Amino acid sequence: MDDTDARLIALLRHNARASVAELAATLGVSRGTVTNRMRKLEKDHVIRGYQALVGPEAEPNVIRAWMSIQIEGNQSRAVVRRLLGEPGVEALHDTNGRWDLLAELRAASMAELSAVLERIRLIKGIHATETSIHLSTFR
């Protein structure tokens, strides 16, 4: 991956719907170059897909939260497997520092969030958790 690929990825992160012609003009390369580079980045799984990012205001009744998770001993793989099977976990991140994992949670109601939290806390290998509910987004 070179500087042109990195700039192309940055442009796509900003606007994944930008046309090949727009991307080529911004990068100062031909449309064929952009198309070929995008194909290669997709083939190499650098670009894994394109998505519509929906703002929280589009789903005003969805409750979002983040759960920091501390794992006991060497049970990371088993805990991660269980968390990936939990329908309330939208994304799961490996972290460093005090917490081992960060789980992005999503629920339709406070009762549903409570049930998700309870199921997660009962997973063998989880030592401690701390949950923060998303209130608003500034950027």
N, C-alpha and C. Protein backbone atom coordinates (compact mmCIF):
# COMPACT_ATOMS: atom_id res chain seq x y z
N MET A 1 0.84 -1.17 0.00
CA MET A 1 0.00 0.00 0.00
C MET A 1 0.90 1.24 0.00
N ASP A 2 0.67 2.13 -0.92
CA ASP A 2 1.48 3.34 -1.01
C ASP A 2 0.66 4.57 -0.61
N ASP A 3 1.24 5.74 -0.80
CA ASP A 3 0.60 6.99 -0.40
C ASP A 3 -0.72 7.22 -1.15
N THR A 4 -0.76 6.86 -2.43
CA THR A 4 -2.00 7.04 -3.21
C THR A 4 -3.11 6.16 -2.66
N ASP A 5 -2.78 4.91 -2.30
CA ASP A 5 -3.78 4.03 -1.68
C ASP A 5 -4.28 4.61 -0.37
N ALA A 6 -3.36 5.12 0.44
CA ALA A 6 -3.75 5.70 1.73
C ALA A 6 -4.66 6.91 1.54
N ARG A 7 -4.35 7.75 0.56
CA ARG A 7 -5.18 8.92 0.28
C ARG A 7 -6.55 8.49 -0.25
N LEU A 8 -6.57 7.45 -1.10
CA LEU A 8 -7.82 6.92 -1.64
C LEU A 8 -8.70 6.41 -0.50
N ILE A 9 -8.12 5.66 0.41
CA ILE A 9 -8.87 5.14 1.55
C ILE A 9 -9.42 6.28 2.40
N ALA A 10 -8.62 7.31 2.63
CA ALA A 10 -9.09 8.46 3.41
C ALA A 10 -10.27 9.13 2.73
N LEU A 11 -10.21 9.28 1.41
CA LEU A 11 -11.33 9.88 0.68
C LEU A 11 -12.58 9.03 0.79
N LEU A 12 -12.42 7.71 0.67
CA LEU A 12 -13.57 6.81 0.77
C LEU A 12 -14.15 6.79 2.18
N ARG A 13 -13.30 6.92 3.18
CA ARG A 13 -13.81 6.99 4.56
C ARG A 13 -14.65 8.24 4.75
N HIS A 14 -14.23 9.31 4.12
CA HIS A 14 -14.98 10.57 4.23
C HIS A 14 -16.29 10.50 3.44
N ASN A 15 -16.25 9.87 2.26
CA ASN A 15 -17.44 9.77 1.41
C ASN A 15 -17.34 8.53 0.54
N ALA A 16 -17.89 7.42 1.01
CA ALA A 16 -17.81 6.16 0.28
C ALA A 16 -18.64 6.18 -1.00
N ARG A 17 -19.48 7.20 -1.17
CA ARG A 17 -20.30 7.31 -2.37
C ARG A 17 -19.67 8.21 -3.43
N ALA A 18 -18.48 8.70 -3.18
CA ALA A 18 -17.80 9.55 -4.17
C ALA A 18 -17.61 8.75 -5.45
N SER A 19 -17.82 9.39 -6.57
CA SER A 19 -17.66 8.70 -7.86
C SER A 19 -16.18 8.47 -8.15
N VAL A 20 -15.93 7.51 -9.00
CA VAL A 20 -14.56 7.23 -9.41
C VAL A 20 -13.95 8.47 -10.06
N ALA A 21 -14.74 9.19 -10.84
CA ALA A 21 -14.25 10.42 -11.48
C ALA A 21 -13.84 11.46 -10.43
N GLU A 22 -14.65 11.63 -9.38
CA GLU A 22 -14.31 12.58 -8.31
C GLU A 22 -13.02 12.16 -7.60
N LEU A 23 -12.92 10.88 -7.30
CA LEU A 23 -11.74 10.37 -6.61
C LEU A 23 -10.49 10.58 -7.46
N ALA A 24 -10.62 10.26 -8.76
CA ALA A 24 -9.49 10.41 -9.67
C ALA A 24 -9.04 11.86 -9.75
N ALA A 25 -9.99 12.78 -9.86
CA ALA A 25 -9.65 14.20 -9.96
C ALA A 25 -8.96 14.68 -8.68
N THR A 26 -9.46 14.28 -7.54
CA THR A 26 -8.86 14.69 -6.26
C THR A 26 -7.45 14.13 -6.10
N LEU A 27 -7.28 12.87 -6.54
CA LEU A 27 -5.97 12.22 -6.39
C LEU A 27 -4.99 12.60 -7.50
N GLY A 28 -5.52 13.15 -8.59
CA GLY A 28 -4.66 13.50 -9.72
C GLY A 28 -4.20 12.29 -10.51
N VAL A 29 -5.06 11.27 -10.59
CA VAL A 29 -4.76 10.05 -11.36
C VAL A 29 -5.94 9.75 -12.27
N SER A 30 -5.79 8.75 -13.12
CA SER A 30 -6.87 8.41 -14.05
C SER A 30 -7.96 7.61 -13.33
N ARG A 31 -9.15 7.57 -13.95
CA ARG A 31 -10.25 6.78 -13.40
C ARG A 31 -9.88 5.30 -13.37
N GLY A 32 -9.16 4.84 -14.40
CA GLY A 32 -8.72 3.45 -14.44
C GLY A 32 -7.81 3.10 -13.27
N THR A 33 -6.93 4.05 -12.91
CA THR A 33 -6.04 3.83 -11.76
C THR A 33 -6.86 3.68 -10.48
N VAL A 34 -7.84 4.55 -10.30
CA VAL A 34 -8.70 4.47 -9.10
C VAL A 34 -9.45 3.14 -9.08
N THR A 35 -10.04 2.77 -10.20
CA THR A 35 -10.80 1.52 -10.28
C THR A 35 -9.90 0.32 -9.97
N ASN A 36 -8.73 0.28 -10.57
CA ASN A 36 -7.81 -0.84 -10.34
C ASN A 36 -7.35 -0.89 -8.89
N ARG A 37 -7.05 0.26 -8.32
CA ARG A 37 -6.60 0.28 -6.92
C ARG A 37 -7.73 -0.15 -5.98
N MET A 38 -8.94 0.32 -6.25
CA MET A 38 -10.07 -0.09 -5.40
C MET A 38 -10.28 -1.60 -5.49
N ARG A 39 -10.22 -2.14 -6.70
CA ARG A 39 -10.37 -3.60 -6.88
C ARG A 39 -9.32 -4.36 -6.08
N LYS A 40 -8.06 -3.90 -6.17
CA LYS A 40 -6.97 -4.57 -5.46
C LYS A 40 -7.15 -4.44 -3.94
N LEU A 41 -7.51 -3.26 -3.47
CA LEU A 41 -7.74 -3.09 -2.04
C LEU A 41 -8.89 -3.96 -1.54
N GLU A 42 -9.92 -4.13 -2.35
CA GLU A 42 -11.03 -5.02 -1.99
C GLU A 42 -10.57 -6.47 -1.99
N LYS A 43 -9.82 -6.86 -3.03
CA LYS A 43 -9.33 -8.24 -3.15
C LYS A 43 -8.42 -8.60 -1.97
N ASP A 44 -7.60 -7.64 -1.53
CA ASP A 44 -6.67 -7.86 -0.42
C ASP A 44 -7.33 -7.66 0.94
N HIS A 45 -8.63 -7.40 0.94
CA HIS A 45 -9.43 -7.22 2.17
C HIS A 45 -8.98 -6.00 2.99
N VAL A 46 -8.33 -5.05 2.33
CA VAL A 46 -8.03 -3.77 2.99
C VAL A 46 -9.34 -3.00 3.08
N ILE A 47 -10.08 -2.97 1.99
CA ILE A 47 -11.44 -2.43 1.99
C ILE A 47 -12.36 -3.63 2.10
N ARG A 48 -13.10 -3.70 3.19
CA ARG A 48 -13.95 -4.86 3.45
C ARG A 48 -15.39 -4.66 3.00
N GLY A 49 -15.74 -3.43 2.66
CA GLY A 49 -17.10 -3.18 2.22
C GLY A 49 -17.41 -1.71 2.32
N TYR A 50 -18.61 -1.38 1.91
CA TYR A 50 -19.09 0.00 1.93
C TYR A 50 -20.41 -0.03 2.68
N GLN A 51 -20.66 0.99 3.48
CA GLN A 51 -21.88 0.96 4.28
C GLN A 51 -22.46 2.35 4.45
N ALA A 52 -23.71 2.37 4.79
CA ALA A 52 -24.37 3.63 5.14
C ALA A 52 -24.30 3.75 6.65
N LEU A 53 -23.70 4.82 7.13
CA LEU A 53 -23.62 5.06 8.57
C LEU A 53 -24.83 5.89 8.96
N VAL A 54 -25.67 5.32 9.79
CA VAL A 54 -26.91 5.97 10.18
C VAL A 54 -26.69 6.65 11.52
N GLY A 55 -27.02 7.91 11.59
CA GLY A 55 -26.88 8.65 12.84
C GLY A 55 -27.89 8.21 13.87
N PRO A 56 -27.56 8.38 15.15
CA PRO A 56 -28.46 7.95 16.21
C PRO A 56 -29.84 8.60 16.14
N GLU A 57 -29.91 9.81 15.55
CA GLU A 57 -31.21 10.48 15.43
C GLU A 57 -32.16 9.73 14.49
N ALA A 58 -31.63 8.87 13.63
CA ALA A 58 -32.47 8.07 12.73
C ALA A 58 -33.15 6.92 13.48
N GLU A 59 -32.60 6.56 14.64
CA GLU A 59 -33.17 5.50 15.47
C GLU A 59 -33.31 6.03 16.90
N PRO A 60 -34.23 6.96 17.12
CA PRO A 60 -34.30 7.62 18.43
C PRO A 60 -34.65 6.71 19.59
N ASN A 61 -35.25 5.58 19.33
CA ASN A 61 -35.65 4.69 20.42
C ASN A 61 -34.65 3.59 20.72
N VAL A 62 -33.55 3.55 19.97
CA VAL A 62 -32.52 2.54 20.22
C VAL A 62 -31.60 3.04 21.33
N ILE A 63 -31.34 2.16 22.27
CA ILE A 63 -30.44 2.49 23.37
C ILE A 63 -29.08 1.89 23.04
N ARG A 64 -28.06 2.74 23.11
CA ARG A 64 -26.69 2.30 22.84
C ARG A 64 -25.88 2.47 24.12
N ALA A 65 -24.96 1.54 24.31
CA ALA A 65 -24.10 1.60 25.49
C ALA A 65 -22.76 0.97 25.16
N TRP A 66 -21.78 1.29 25.99
CA TRP A 66 -20.46 0.68 25.86
C TRP A 66 -20.17 -0.05 27.15
N MET A 67 -19.70 -1.26 27.03
CA MET A 67 -19.35 -2.05 28.20
C MET A 67 -17.86 -2.37 28.15
N SER A 68 -17.13 -1.92 29.16
CA SER A 68 -15.73 -2.29 29.32
C SER A 68 -15.71 -3.60 30.09
N ILE A 69 -14.87 -4.53 29.63
CA ILE A 69 -14.88 -5.89 30.20
C ILE A 69 -13.47 -6.30 30.59
N GLN A 70 -13.35 -6.82 31.82
CA GLN A 70 -12.08 -7.37 32.29
C GLN A 70 -12.22 -8.88 32.35
N ILE A 71 -11.27 -9.59 31.77
CA ILE A 71 -11.33 -11.04 31.67
C ILE A 71 -10.43 -11.69 32.72
N GLU A 72 -10.90 -12.80 33.28
CA GLU A 72 -10.11 -13.57 34.24
C GLU A 72 -9.09 -14.42 33.50
N GLY A 73 -7.86 -14.39 33.96
CA GLY A 73 -6.82 -15.28 33.45
C GLY A 73 -6.70 -15.29 31.94
N ASN A 74 -6.58 -16.49 31.41
CA ASN A 74 -6.37 -16.66 29.96
C ASN A 74 -7.63 -17.16 29.26
N GLN A 75 -8.77 -16.60 29.61
CA GLN A 75 -10.04 -17.06 29.04
C GLN A 75 -10.55 -16.15 27.93
N SER A 76 -9.66 -15.35 27.35
CA SER A 76 -10.07 -14.38 26.33
C SER A 76 -10.81 -15.01 25.17
N ARG A 77 -10.26 -16.07 24.60
CA ARG A 77 -10.89 -16.67 23.41
C ARG A 77 -12.30 -17.14 23.68
N ALA A 78 -12.49 -17.81 24.82
CA ALA A 78 -13.82 -18.31 25.16
C ALA A 78 -14.80 -17.17 25.39
N VAL A 79 -14.34 -16.13 26.07
CA VAL A 79 -15.20 -14.98 26.34
C VAL A 79 -15.56 -14.28 25.03
N VAL A 80 -14.58 -14.06 24.17
CA VAL A 80 -14.84 -13.40 22.88
C VAL A 80 -15.85 -14.22 22.08
N ARG A 81 -15.69 -15.54 22.04
CA ARG A 81 -16.63 -16.40 21.31
C ARG A 81 -18.06 -16.22 21.82
N ARG A 82 -18.21 -16.20 23.13
CA ARG A 82 -19.54 -16.04 23.73
C ARG A 82 -20.12 -14.66 23.43
N LEU A 83 -19.28 -13.62 23.52
CA LEU A 83 -19.76 -12.27 23.27
C LEU A 83 -20.16 -12.08 21.81
N LEU A 84 -19.43 -12.70 20.89
CA LEU A 84 -19.78 -12.58 19.48
C LEU A 84 -21.11 -13.27 19.17
N GLY A 85 -21.53 -14.18 20.03
CA GLY A 85 -22.82 -14.84 19.87
C GLY A 85 -23.97 -14.12 20.57
N GLU A 86 -23.66 -13.07 21.28
CA GLU A 86 -24.68 -12.31 22.01
C GLU A 86 -25.32 -11.29 21.07
N PRO A 87 -26.65 -11.40 20.84
CA PRO A 87 -27.31 -10.49 19.89
C PRO A 87 -27.27 -9.02 20.28
N GLY A 88 -27.10 -8.70 21.54
CA GLY A 88 -27.04 -7.31 21.97
C GLY A 88 -25.69 -6.64 21.73
N VAL A 89 -24.68 -7.44 21.36
CA VAL A 89 -23.35 -6.89 21.10
C VAL A 89 -23.26 -6.54 19.62
N GLU A 90 -23.18 -5.24 19.35
CA GLU A 90 -23.10 -4.77 17.97
C GLU A 90 -21.68 -4.85 17.44
N ALA A 91 -20.69 -4.57 18.28
CA ALA A 91 -19.28 -4.65 17.90
C ALA A 91 -18.47 -4.98 19.15
N LEU A 92 -17.31 -5.59 18.93
CA LEU A 92 -16.46 -5.98 20.04
C LEU A 92 -15.02 -5.60 19.68
N HIS A 93 -14.35 -4.93 20.61
CA HIS A 93 -13.00 -4.42 20.37
C HIS A 93 -12.04 -4.92 21.43
N ASP A 94 -10.85 -5.31 21.00
CA ASP A 94 -9.76 -5.67 21.90
C ASP A 94 -9.07 -4.37 22.30
N THR A 95 -8.79 -4.20 23.60
CA THR A 95 -8.18 -2.95 24.06
C THR A 95 -7.00 -3.24 24.97
N ASN A 96 -6.30 -2.20 25.36
CA ASN A 96 -5.23 -2.36 26.34
C ASN A 96 -5.60 -1.54 27.58
N GLY A 97 -4.78 -1.62 28.60
CA GLY A 97 -5.07 -0.87 29.81
C GLY A 97 -5.86 -1.70 30.80
N ARG A 98 -6.64 -1.02 31.60
CA ARG A 98 -7.39 -1.69 32.68
C ARG A 98 -8.39 -2.71 32.15
N TRP A 99 -9.03 -2.40 31.02
CA TRP A 99 -10.06 -3.26 30.46
C TRP A 99 -9.51 -4.04 29.28
N ASP A 100 -9.96 -5.27 29.13
CA ASP A 100 -9.49 -6.14 28.05
C ASP A 100 -10.29 -5.98 26.77
N LEU A 101 -11.59 -5.75 26.91
CA LEU A 101 -12.48 -5.66 25.76
C LEU A 101 -13.41 -4.46 25.92
N LEU A 102 -13.87 -3.95 24.79
CA LEU A 102 -14.91 -2.92 24.79
C LEU A 102 -16.03 -3.42 23.87
N ALA A 103 -17.21 -3.60 24.43
CA ALA A 103 -18.36 -4.08 23.67
C ALA A 103 -19.31 -2.92 23.41
N GLU A 104 -19.69 -2.75 22.16
CA GLU A 104 -20.71 -1.76 21.81
C GLU A 104 -22.04 -2.49 21.87
N LEU A 105 -22.94 -2.01 22.70
CA LEU A 105 -24.22 -2.67 22.92
C LEU A 105 -25.35 -1.87 22.29
N ARG A 106 -26.42 -2.59 21.94
CA ARG A 106 -27.58 -1.97 21.32
C ARG A 106 -28.82 -2.72 21.82
N ALA A 107 -29.83 -1.94 22.23
CA ALA A 107 -31.06 -2.57 22.73
C ALA A 107 -32.25 -1.69 22.38
N ALA A 108 -33.42 -2.30 22.31
CA ALA A 108 -34.65 -1.58 21.96
C ALA A 108 -35.30 -0.91 23.16
N SER A 109 -34.90 -1.32 24.37
CA SER A 109 -35.50 -0.73 25.58
C SER A 109 -34.53 -0.90 26.74
N MET A 110 -34.80 -0.22 27.82
CA MET A 110 -33.96 -0.37 29.01
C MET A 110 -34.07 -1.79 29.56
N ALA A 111 -35.26 -2.37 29.48
CA ALA A 111 -35.43 -3.75 29.96
C ALA A 111 -34.57 -4.70 29.12
N GLU A 112 -34.55 -4.48 27.81
CA GLU A 112 -33.74 -5.33 26.94
C GLU A 112 -32.25 -5.12 27.24
N LEU A 113 -31.84 -3.87 27.45
CA LEU A 113 -30.44 -3.60 27.80
C LEU A 113 -30.08 -4.29 29.11
N SER A 114 -30.97 -4.23 30.08
CA SER A 114 -30.73 -4.89 31.36
C SER A 114 -30.53 -6.39 31.16
N ALA A 115 -31.33 -7.01 30.30
CA ALA A 115 -31.19 -8.45 30.03
C ALA A 115 -29.86 -8.75 29.34
N VAL A 116 -29.46 -7.88 28.41
CA VAL A 116 -28.17 -8.06 27.72
C VAL A 116 -27.03 -7.98 28.75
N LEU A 117 -27.07 -6.97 29.61
CA LEU A 117 -26.03 -6.81 30.63
C LEU A 117 -25.97 -8.04 31.54
N GLU A 118 -27.11 -8.53 31.94
CA GLU A 118 -27.15 -9.70 32.82
C GLU A 118 -26.56 -10.93 32.13
N ARG A 119 -26.94 -11.16 30.87
CA ARG A 119 -26.40 -12.32 30.14
C ARG A 119 -24.88 -12.22 30.01
N ILE A 120 -24.39 -11.01 29.72
CA ILE A 120 -22.95 -10.83 29.57
C ILE A 120 -22.23 -11.06 30.89
N ARG A 121 -22.77 -10.51 31.96
CA ARG A 121 -22.12 -10.65 33.27
C ARG A 121 -22.05 -12.11 33.74
N LEU A 122 -22.93 -12.94 33.23
CA LEU A 122 -22.95 -14.36 33.61
C LEU A 122 -21.98 -15.22 32.79
N ILE A 123 -21.33 -14.64 31.80
CA ILE A 123 -20.39 -15.40 30.98
C ILE A 123 -19.18 -15.79 31.82
N LYS A 124 -18.87 -17.07 31.82
CA LYS A 124 -17.72 -17.57 32.57
C LYS A 124 -16.46 -16.95 32.00
N GLY A 125 -15.62 -16.43 32.89
CA GLY A 125 -14.37 -15.83 32.47
C GLY A 125 -14.37 -14.31 32.52
N ILE A 126 -15.55 -13.72 32.74
CA ILE A 126 -15.61 -12.27 32.87
C ILE A 126 -15.44 -11.94 34.35
N HIS A 127 -14.43 -11.12 34.62
CA HIS A 127 -14.10 -10.75 36.00
C HIS A 127 -14.86 -9.50 36.45
N ALA A 128 -14.91 -8.49 35.59
CA ALA A 128 -15.57 -7.24 35.95
C ALA A 128 -16.04 -6.52 34.70
N THR A 129 -17.06 -5.68 34.85
CA THR A 129 -17.56 -4.88 33.74
C THR A 129 -17.89 -3.49 34.24
N GLU A 130 -17.93 -2.56 33.29
CA GLU A 130 -18.39 -1.20 33.58
C GLU A 130 -19.12 -0.72 32.33
N THR A 131 -20.34 -0.25 32.50
CA THR A 131 -21.17 0.12 31.36
C THR A 131 -21.50 1.61 31.39
N SER A 132 -21.43 2.23 30.22
CA SER A 132 -21.82 3.63 30.05
C SER A 132 -22.86 3.70 28.95
N ILE A 133 -23.95 4.42 29.22
CA ILE A 133 -25.02 4.57 28.23
C ILE A 133 -24.74 5.79 27.37
N HIS A 134 -24.91 5.62 26.08
CA HIS A 134 -24.70 6.72 25.12
C HIS A 134 -25.82 7.74 25.27
N LEU A 135 -25.46 8.99 25.46
CA LEU A 135 -26.47 10.05 25.61
C LEU A 135 -26.60 10.89 24.35
N SER A 136 -25.49 11.35 23.79
CA SER A 136 -25.54 12.15 22.57
C SER A 136 -24.20 12.07 21.85
N THR A 137 -24.23 12.46 20.58
CA THR A 137 -23.03 12.44 19.75
C THR A 137 -22.77 13.87 19.29
N PHE A 138 -21.55 14.31 19.40
CA PHE A 138 -21.18 15.66 19.01
C PHE A 138 -20.55 15.73 17.63
N ARG A 139 -19.99 14.64 17.16
CA ARG A 139 -19.35 14.63 15.85
C ARG A 139 -19.51 13.29 15.20
